[in-house]
Structure formats: C-alpha cells, structure tokens
Amino acid sequence: MDTYVQVYTGDGKGKTTAAIGLAIRAIGAGKKVLFLQFMKSKVYSEHEILPTLPNLTLETVGKPFFIIQEGVKSKEELARWGDEVVVFPVGKPPADYVALIAKGMERAKEATASGEYDVVVLDEYVMALFFGLVSREESEALLAHRSPKTELIFTGRGAPDWLIDAADLVTSMEEVKHYYTKGVLARAGIEN
C-alpha cells in the first residue's frame, strides 16, 4: 500500500478533529497509530478516550498553557484566553518550552523513520514550526527519513508553502463563521 504525507491547516476549526477521525478509521482497519500532540498537555476531551483504543498511542508534548508570539493575536483575543496563554517576544520562545518540543521532535523522528507505526499524526506540529520551536531543516529531515510504510499527518494553522509543496494531500479549514466571535469559549467535547 502506498503511503502519503497529509497536511490539515487553515484558520477554521477541525484540523485536530479531522486527524482524530483519520486515526480512528486507521485503527478500525487494523493499523497501528501514533498520535503525537505538540504544544498540548492532556487537558482535552480526546485524552479521555484515545488512550483506551487498541493500536493507538497518544503522547503529548506541551504544558497546561499555550504559547503565542507577540503580535499574532489582538489584546481582545488574548484577554479571552486569560492565563491559558503565555506571550513571548518574536524569536524568543520560552527555553523550557523549546527543550520540551525538542524531545517531541526526537520522538517524531524515531516514530516516522522506524516503520513501527502505519500512521503518525503530528498534531499542532505546524504551530510549533510557525513559532520557531522546530525548524524547516529538521522538518525536511523528518520527511526525508520517513519510512515508506508510514502515513504522516501534520496539523496546525499557517502551514508554510514548502510544507504544502512537500505534502501529497492538503486540506485548508476555512473559517466562514464561528460563535467565539460572540464570546463563546471552548466547550468540552466540541472544541476542548
């Protein structure tokens, strides 16, 4: 069976949700899946069910807060996040976060190269790339050393052109309308 590189990107909701659906479909077909979440800790609703599924390994590389570069979000948007987000100066992400993501990157390299998994999902990897927590060079090496037996899925908004060009399938989630503009926060089981 051929394997491909997929990217789920865009500003709309549904990138992680699509990857979870793909992972469930894969294990339903008897495939072995690694779902490696960058920039997330085990605080989302999927963490209650995914670890119970056969042939699916869920790992997280993050802290119980999100990081964001100065200037990416407005003051109003940041106020809605409250203490769930840490803002850092451009090009200077928190050192402890960089070290944590580096460990995740090592795990991603090992998992994609080994052929142990039929599907490897690197959830929010594109955001780690966007914030400079992983480099283009590391990412290209990851792609170059991918086992031909492993389907590789990247998620996160802001996929760069070079990653889009390297992928075989790219889906961009477009936000047309979202209730968060009316002040609705993330809801358990829907966004969280």
Protein backbone atom coordinates (compact mmCIF):
# COMPACT_ATOMS: atom_id res chain seq x y z
CA MET A 1 0.00 0.00 0.00
CA ASP A 2 1.24 3.48 -0.84
CA THR A 3 1.62 5.97 1.98
CA TYR A 4 1.43 9.74 1.78
CA VAL A 5 2.07 12.98 3.64
CA GLN A 6 -1.04 14.92 4.61
CA VAL A 7 -1.45 18.44 5.99
CA TYR A 8 -4.56 19.84 7.72
CA THR A 9 -4.15 23.60 8.04
CA GLY A 10 -6.12 26.86 7.85
CA ASP A 11 -7.79 29.21 10.28
CA GLY A 12 -11.00 27.22 10.63
CA LYS A 13 -11.94 24.70 13.30
CA GLY A 14 -11.49 21.00 12.64
CA LYS A 15 -7.82 20.20 11.99
CA THR A 16 -7.26 18.04 15.08
CA THR A 17 -10.79 16.68 14.78
CA ALA A 18 -10.08 15.51 11.22
CA ALA A 19 -6.83 13.88 12.33
CA ILE A 20 -8.61 12.08 15.19
CA GLY A 21 -11.19 10.80 12.72
CA LEU A 22 -8.45 9.55 10.41
CA ALA A 23 -6.70 7.84 13.35
CA ILE A 24 -9.91 6.06 14.39
CA ARG A 25 -10.50 4.95 10.81
CA ALA A 26 -6.92 3.64 10.63
CA ILE A 27 -7.20 1.57 13.82
CA GLY A 28 -10.55 0.28 12.57
CA ALA A 29 -8.62 -1.09 9.58
CA GLY A 30 -6.11 -2.79 11.90
CA LYS A 31 -3.38 -0.16 11.55
CA LYS A 32 -1.08 0.99 14.34
CA VAL A 33 -1.21 4.75 15.07
CA LEU A 34 0.91 7.24 17.00
CA PHE A 35 -0.95 10.46 17.79
CA LEU A 36 1.74 12.88 18.96
CA GLN A 37 0.40 16.26 20.07
CA PHE A 38 2.78 19.21 20.06
CA MET A 39 2.05 22.25 22.25
CA LYS A 40 -0.71 20.44 24.14
CA SER A 41 -0.99 18.77 27.51
CA LYS A 42 -3.54 16.15 28.49
CA VAL A 43 -6.40 18.55 29.21
CA TYR A 44 -8.58 17.97 26.13
CA SER A 45 -11.60 15.67 25.98
CA GLU A 46 -9.98 13.31 23.47
CA HIS A 47 -7.48 12.38 26.18
CA GLU A 48 -10.27 10.54 28.00
CA ILE A 49 -10.96 8.13 25.14
CA LEU A 50 -8.00 7.88 22.75
CA PRO A 51 -5.70 6.03 25.21
CA THR A 52 -8.35 3.32 25.59
CA LEU A 53 -8.39 2.47 21.88
CA PRO A 54 -6.41 -0.54 20.62
CA ASN A 55 -3.38 0.12 18.42
CA LEU A 56 -3.38 3.85 19.21
CA THR A 57 -0.62 5.51 21.22
CA LEU A 58 -1.32 9.07 22.39
CA GLU A 59 1.55 11.26 23.57
CA THR A 60 1.63 14.97 24.35
CA VAL A 61 4.48 17.46 24.21
CA GLY A 62 3.33 20.64 25.89
CA LYS A 63 2.37 22.36 29.09
CA PRO A 64 -1.04 23.22 30.52
CA PHE A 65 -0.85 26.56 28.74
CA PHE A 66 -0.42 27.66 25.15
CA ILE A 67 2.35 29.94 23.97
CA ILE A 68 1.92 32.64 21.38
CA GLN A 69 4.26 35.12 19.74
CA GLU A 70 3.78 38.85 20.38
CA GLY A 71 1.70 40.48 17.66
CA VAL A 72 -0.07 37.31 16.49
CA LYS A 73 -3.30 37.92 18.44
CA SER A 74 -5.07 41.12 19.41
CA LYS A 75 -5.30 42.26 23.04
CA GLU A 76 -9.01 41.38 22.98
CA GLU A 77 -8.30 37.83 21.80
CA LEU A 78 -5.54 37.38 24.39
CA ALA A 79 -7.87 38.65 27.13
CA ARG A 80 -10.32 35.86 26.26
CA TRP A 81 -7.55 33.27 26.77
CA GLY A 82 -6.65 34.69 30.18
CA ASP A 83 -3.86 32.78 31.92
CA GLU A 84 -4.12 29.87 29.48
CA VAL A 85 -1.64 31.60 27.17
CA VAL A 86 1.92 32.87 27.62
CA VAL A 87 3.01 35.59 25.19
CA PHE A 88 6.67 35.63 24.15
CA PRO A 89 8.78 38.12 22.15
CA VAL A 90 9.34 37.30 18.48
CA GLY A 91 12.20 34.83 18.12
CA LYS A 92 12.50 34.24 21.87
CA PRO A 93 10.18 31.38 22.89
CA PRO A 94 10.49 30.16 26.49
CA ALA A 95 13.63 27.96 26.82
CA ASP A 96 11.80 25.24 28.78
CA TYR A 97 9.20 25.02 26.01
CA VAL A 98 11.91 24.79 23.34
CA ALA A 99 13.54 21.90 25.25
CA LEU A 100 10.21 20.12 25.61
CA ILE A 101 9.42 20.43 21.90
CA ALA A 102 12.95 19.17 21.06
CA LYS A 103 12.14 15.95 22.94
CA GLY A 104 8.92 15.67 20.96
CA MET A 105 10.84 16.20 17.75
CA GLU A 106 13.18 13.33 18.62
CA ARG A 107 10.14 11.11 19.24
CA ALA A 108 8.62 12.18 15.91
CA LYS A 109 11.83 11.39 14.03
CA GLU A 110 12.13 7.96 15.64
CA ALA A 111 8.46 7.10 15.07
CA THR A 112 8.33 8.16 11.43
CA ALA A 113 11.63 6.51 10.47
CA SER A 114 11.16 3.21 12.32
CA GLY A 115 8.19 1.85 10.39
CA GLU A 116 6.71 0.75 13.72
CA TYR A 117 3.57 2.81 13.05
CA ASP A 118 1.36 2.72 9.98
CA VAL A 119 0.13 6.25 10.71
CA VAL A 120 1.88 9.04 12.61
CA VAL A 121 -0.14 12.16 13.39
CA LEU A 122 1.89 15.21 14.41
CA ASP A 123 -0.90 17.35 15.82
CA GLU A 124 -0.17 21.10 16.08
CA TYR A 125 3.28 20.48 14.62
CA VAL A 126 2.66 23.28 12.14
CA MET A 127 2.16 25.73 15.05
CA ALA A 128 5.46 24.59 16.59
CA LEU A 129 7.05 25.25 13.21
CA PHE A 130 5.36 28.66 12.93
CA PHE A 131 6.65 29.73 16.36
CA GLY A 132 10.21 28.58 15.58
CA LEU A 133 10.15 25.70 18.06
CA VAL A 134 11.14 23.32 15.25
CA SER A 135 12.99 24.31 12.10
CA ARG A 136 12.37 23.83 8.42
CA GLU A 137 15.63 21.83 8.23
CA GLU A 138 14.50 19.44 11.00
CA SER A 139 11.14 19.08 9.28
CA GLU A 140 12.67 18.34 5.90
CA ALA A 141 14.92 15.72 7.54
CA LEU A 142 11.83 14.18 9.14
CA LEU A 143 10.19 13.96 5.73
CA ALA A 144 13.33 12.60 4.04
CA HIS A 145 13.75 9.81 6.58
CA ARG A 146 10.09 8.77 6.77
CA SER A 147 9.57 5.05 6.43
CA PRO A 148 7.78 4.20 3.19
CA LYS A 149 5.35 2.19 5.37
CA THR A 150 4.27 5.25 7.40
CA GLU A 151 1.49 7.70 6.52
CA LEU A 152 2.41 11.08 8.04
CA ILE A 153 -0.15 13.71 9.03
CA PHE A 154 0.65 17.28 10.10
CA THR A 155 -1.93 19.62 11.65
CA GLY A 156 -1.91 23.28 12.59
CA ARG A 157 -2.74 26.65 11.15
CA GLY A 158 -0.27 28.51 8.98
CA ALA A 159 1.41 25.71 7.03
CA PRO A 160 4.30 27.20 5.03
CA ASP A 161 4.39 26.85 1.25
CA TRP A 162 7.36 24.45 1.32
CA LEU A 163 5.42 22.01 3.57
CA ILE A 164 2.35 22.30 1.38
CA ASP A 165 4.54 21.56 -1.67
CA ALA A 166 6.07 18.52 0.08
CA ALA A 167 2.68 17.07 1.02
CA ASP A 168 0.55 14.78 -1.12
CA LEU A 169 -2.78 15.89 0.37
CA VAL A 170 -3.51 19.33 1.84
CA THR A 171 -6.79 20.43 3.36
CA SER A 172 -7.27 24.01 4.48
CA MET A 173 -10.03 24.53 7.01
CA GLU A 174 -11.63 27.89 6.26
CA GLU A 175 -13.49 29.75 8.97
CA VAL A 176 -16.66 31.15 7.49
CA LYS A 177 -18.44 31.81 10.79
CA HIS A 178 -17.69 30.88 14.41
CA TYR A 179 -19.58 31.60 17.63
CA TYR A 180 -16.40 32.52 19.50
CA THR A 181 -16.74 35.96 17.87
CA LYS A 182 -19.78 36.36 20.16
CA GLY A 183 -17.70 35.48 23.22
CA VAL A 184 -18.44 31.74 23.37
CA LEU A 185 -15.46 29.98 24.93
CA ALA A 186 -14.21 26.49 24.04
CA ARG A 187 -16.81 23.89 25.04
CA ALA A 188 -15.95 20.46 26.45
CA GLY A 189 -16.40 17.75 23.86
CA ILE A 190 -16.71 20.22 20.99
CA GLU A 191 -13.61 22.46 20.94
CA ASN A 192 -11.90 21.13 24.05
